[in-house]
Amino acid sequence: MEEEKNPNRTRFNKLSSRLTRHLKRDEPLAGDVLEFALSAVRDDKIAEKLKTGAPLSDYEKHMIDGLLRMTLAKL
């Protein structure tokens, strides 16, 4: 499988799944998942909400998902 050949992609997929799960449940992020989300987000307002654990709007969640998909395409 291709994922087994690329450990960065495997790690990305695991963190992406964890991030999506947390966002759907409106749970605050911490540790590796928070760092992962912050590395993808380019908007200071969204980044601050992620850091403080404030709830995100559906639009902001969609923005994060789109940024992650663009990043995955580059791996």
N, C-alpha and C. Protein backbone atom coordinates (compact mmCIF):
# COMPACT_ATOMS: atom_id res chain seq x y z
N MET A 1 0.83 -1.18 0.00
CA MET A 1 0.00 0.00 0.00
C MET A 1 0.88 1.24 0.00
N GLU A 2 0.38 2.28 -0.59
CA GLU A 2 1.15 3.51 -0.71
C GLU A 2 1.36 4.18 0.65
N GLU A 3 0.35 4.13 1.52
CA GLU A 3 0.48 4.78 2.82
C GLU A 3 1.62 4.19 3.64
N GLU A 4 1.82 2.88 3.53
CA GLU A 4 2.89 2.24 4.28
C GLU A 4 4.26 2.71 3.81
N LYS A 5 4.36 3.14 2.58
CA LYS A 5 5.62 3.61 2.02
C LYS A 5 5.93 5.04 2.44
N ASN A 6 4.90 5.79 2.83
CA ASN A 6 5.08 7.19 3.17
C ASN A 6 4.60 7.44 4.60
N PRO A 7 5.50 7.40 5.58
CA PRO A 7 5.08 7.58 6.98
C PRO A 7 4.48 8.96 7.26
N ASN A 8 4.91 9.98 6.51
CA ASN A 8 4.32 11.31 6.70
C ASN A 8 2.85 11.32 6.33
N ARG A 9 2.51 10.63 5.27
CA ARG A 9 1.11 10.57 4.84
C ARG A 9 0.29 9.77 5.86
N THR A 10 0.84 8.70 6.39
CA THR A 10 0.14 7.91 7.40
C THR A 10 -0.12 8.74 8.64
N ARG A 11 0.87 9.48 9.10
CA ARG A 11 0.70 10.34 10.28
C ARG A 11 -0.33 11.43 9.98
N PHE A 12 -0.25 12.01 8.80
CA PHE A 12 -1.20 13.03 8.39
C PHE A 12 -2.63 12.49 8.45
N ASN A 13 -2.83 11.29 7.90
CA ASN A 13 -4.17 10.70 7.87
C ASN A 13 -4.69 10.44 9.28
N LYS A 14 -3.85 9.95 10.16
CA LYS A 14 -4.27 9.68 11.54
C LYS A 14 -4.65 10.98 12.26
N LEU A 15 -3.81 11.99 12.14
CA LEU A 15 -4.11 13.26 12.79
C LEU A 15 -5.33 13.93 12.17
N SER A 16 -5.48 13.82 10.87
CA SER A 16 -6.63 14.39 10.20
C SER A 16 -7.92 13.74 10.68
N SER A 17 -7.91 12.45 10.85
CA SER A 17 -9.09 11.73 11.35
C SER A 17 -9.42 12.15 12.77
N ARG A 18 -8.40 12.26 13.60
CA ARG A 18 -8.63 12.69 14.99
C ARG A 18 -9.16 14.11 15.04
N LEU A 19 -8.61 14.99 14.22
CA LEU A 19 -9.06 16.37 14.18
C LEU A 19 -10.52 16.46 13.73
N THR A 20 -10.86 15.75 12.68
CA THR A 20 -12.24 15.76 12.18
C THR A 20 -13.20 15.27 13.25
N ARG A 21 -12.83 14.21 13.94
CA ARG A 21 -13.68 13.67 15.00
C ARG A 21 -13.89 14.70 16.11
N HIS A 22 -12.83 15.36 16.54
CA HIS A 22 -12.94 16.38 17.59
C HIS A 22 -13.81 17.56 17.13
N LEU A 23 -13.63 17.99 15.89
CA LEU A 23 -14.41 19.12 15.39
C LEU A 23 -15.90 18.79 15.30
N LYS A 24 -16.21 17.58 14.86
CA LYS A 24 -17.62 17.18 14.75
C LYS A 24 -18.30 17.15 16.12
N ARG A 25 -17.53 16.79 17.14
CA ARG A 25 -18.07 16.70 18.50
C ARG A 25 -17.95 18.03 19.26
N ASP A 26 -17.41 19.04 18.62
CA ASP A 26 -17.16 20.35 19.26
C ASP A 26 -16.30 20.21 20.51
N GLU A 27 -15.31 19.33 20.45
CA GLU A 27 -14.40 19.12 21.57
C GLU A 27 -13.17 20.01 21.40
N PRO A 28 -12.63 20.52 22.50
CA PRO A 28 -11.39 21.32 22.39
C PRO A 28 -10.22 20.44 21.95
N LEU A 29 -9.28 21.05 21.28
CA LEU A 29 -8.11 20.33 20.78
C LEU A 29 -6.94 20.50 21.74
N ALA A 30 -6.07 19.51 21.78
CA ALA A 30 -4.88 19.58 22.62
C ALA A 30 -3.77 18.75 22.00
N GLY A 31 -2.56 19.02 22.42
CA GLY A 31 -1.40 18.23 22.02
C GLY A 31 -1.14 18.23 20.53
N ASP A 32 -0.85 17.03 20.01
CA ASP A 32 -0.50 16.89 18.59
C ASP A 32 -1.62 17.33 17.66
N VAL A 33 -2.86 17.07 18.06
CA VAL A 33 -3.99 17.43 17.20
C VAL A 33 -4.09 18.95 17.09
N LEU A 34 -3.90 19.66 18.19
CA LEU A 34 -3.93 21.13 18.16
C LEU A 34 -2.80 21.67 17.29
N GLU A 35 -1.60 21.16 17.47
CA GLU A 35 -0.47 21.60 16.66
C GLU A 35 -0.71 21.34 15.18
N PHE A 36 -1.28 20.19 14.89
CA PHE A 36 -1.60 19.82 13.51
C PHE A 36 -2.60 20.80 12.90
N ALA A 37 -3.65 21.10 13.65
CA ALA A 37 -4.67 22.03 13.16
C ALA A 37 -4.09 23.43 12.95
N LEU A 38 -3.28 23.87 13.89
CA LEU A 38 -2.68 25.21 13.77
C LEU A 38 -1.73 25.30 12.59
N SER A 39 -1.08 24.20 12.25
CA SER A 39 -0.16 24.22 11.11
C SER A 39 -0.90 24.38 9.79
N ALA A 40 -2.16 23.97 9.75
CA ALA A 40 -2.94 24.06 8.51
C ALA A 40 -3.70 25.38 8.40
N VAL A 41 -4.05 25.97 9.53
CA VAL A 41 -4.90 27.17 9.54
C VAL A 41 -4.07 28.41 9.27
N ARG A 42 -4.59 29.25 8.40
CA ARG A 42 -3.89 30.49 8.06
C ARG A 42 -4.62 31.72 8.60
N ASP A 43 -5.78 31.51 9.19
CA ASP A 43 -6.61 32.60 9.70
C ASP A 43 -6.37 32.76 11.20
N ASP A 44 -5.98 33.97 11.62
CA ASP A 44 -5.67 34.21 13.03
C ASP A 44 -6.88 34.03 13.93
N LYS A 45 -8.05 34.41 13.45
CA LYS A 45 -9.28 34.29 14.24
C LYS A 45 -9.59 32.81 14.53
N ILE A 46 -9.49 31.97 13.51
CA ILE A 46 -9.73 30.54 13.69
C ILE A 46 -8.66 29.93 14.58
N ALA A 47 -7.41 30.32 14.38
CA ALA A 47 -6.31 29.81 15.20
C ALA A 47 -6.53 30.14 16.67
N GLU A 48 -6.97 31.34 16.96
CA GLU A 48 -7.22 31.74 18.34
C GLU A 48 -8.35 30.92 18.95
N LYS A 49 -9.39 30.67 18.17
CA LYS A 49 -10.50 29.85 18.66
C LYS A 49 -10.02 28.43 18.96
N LEU A 50 -9.16 27.90 18.11
CA LEU A 50 -8.63 26.55 18.34
C LEU A 50 -7.81 26.51 19.62
N LYS A 51 -7.00 27.53 19.84
CA LYS A 51 -6.15 27.57 21.03
C LYS A 51 -6.96 27.68 22.31
N THR A 52 -8.04 28.46 22.27
CA THR A 52 -8.84 28.69 23.48
C THR A 52 -9.92 27.64 23.67
N GLY A 53 -10.18 26.82 22.67
CA GLY A 53 -11.22 25.80 22.77
C GLY A 53 -12.61 26.35 22.50
N ALA A 54 -12.68 27.55 21.93
CA ALA A 54 -13.99 28.14 21.61
C ALA A 54 -14.64 27.36 20.46
N PRO A 55 -15.97 27.28 20.46
CA PRO A 55 -16.64 26.55 19.38
C PRO A 55 -16.46 27.25 18.04
N LEU A 56 -16.35 26.45 17.00
CA LEU A 56 -16.18 26.97 15.64
C LEU A 56 -17.51 26.91 14.90
N SER A 57 -17.70 27.83 13.99
CA SER A 57 -18.89 27.78 13.14
C SER A 57 -18.71 26.68 12.10
N ASP A 58 -19.80 26.30 11.47
CA ASP A 58 -19.71 25.29 10.41
C ASP A 58 -18.80 25.76 9.28
N TYR A 59 -18.85 27.06 8.99
CA TYR A 59 -17.99 27.62 7.94
C TYR A 59 -16.51 27.46 8.31
N GLU A 60 -16.17 27.75 9.56
CA GLU A 60 -14.77 27.64 10.00
C GLU A 60 -14.31 26.18 9.96
N LYS A 61 -15.18 25.26 10.34
CA LYS A 61 -14.84 23.84 10.26
C LYS A 61 -14.61 23.44 8.81
N HIS A 62 -15.44 23.96 7.92
CA HIS A 62 -15.30 23.68 6.50
C HIS A 62 -13.97 24.22 5.96
N MET A 63 -13.59 25.40 6.43
CA MET A 63 -12.31 26.00 6.02
C MET A 63 -11.15 25.09 6.42
N ILE A 64 -11.18 24.60 7.65
CA ILE A 64 -10.11 23.72 8.13
C ILE A 64 -10.07 22.45 7.28
N ASP A 65 -11.22 21.87 7.02
CA ASP A 65 -11.29 20.65 6.21
C ASP A 65 -10.70 20.89 4.82
N GLY A 66 -11.04 22.01 4.22
CA GLY A 66 -10.51 22.34 2.89
C GLY A 66 -9.00 22.51 2.89
N LEU A 67 -8.48 23.17 3.92
CA LEU A 67 -7.03 23.36 4.03
C LEU A 67 -6.31 22.03 4.21
N LEU A 68 -6.92 21.13 4.98
CA LEU A 68 -6.31 19.81 5.18
C LEU A 68 -6.29 19.02 3.87
N ARG A 69 -7.36 19.12 3.11
CA ARG A 69 -7.41 18.41 1.81
C ARG A 69 -6.35 18.95 0.86
N MET A 70 -6.14 20.25 0.86
CA MET A 70 -5.10 20.83 0.00
C MET A 70 -3.71 20.36 0.43
N THR A 71 -3.51 20.26 1.75
CA THR A 71 -2.23 19.80 2.27
C THR A 71 -2.00 18.34 1.91
N LEU A 72 -3.06 17.52 2.01
CA LEU A 72 -2.94 16.09 1.68
C LEU A 72 -2.55 15.92 0.22
N ALA A 73 -3.07 16.76 -0.63
CA ALA A 73 -2.76 16.66 -2.06
C ALA A 73 -1.27 16.87 -2.33
N LYS A 74 -0.61 17.61 -1.45
CA LYS A 74 0.82 17.90 -1.63
C LYS A 74 1.72 16.78 -1.13
N LEU A 75 1.17 15.89 -0.30
CA LEU A 75 2.01 14.80 0.24
C LEU A 75 2.26 13.71 -0.76
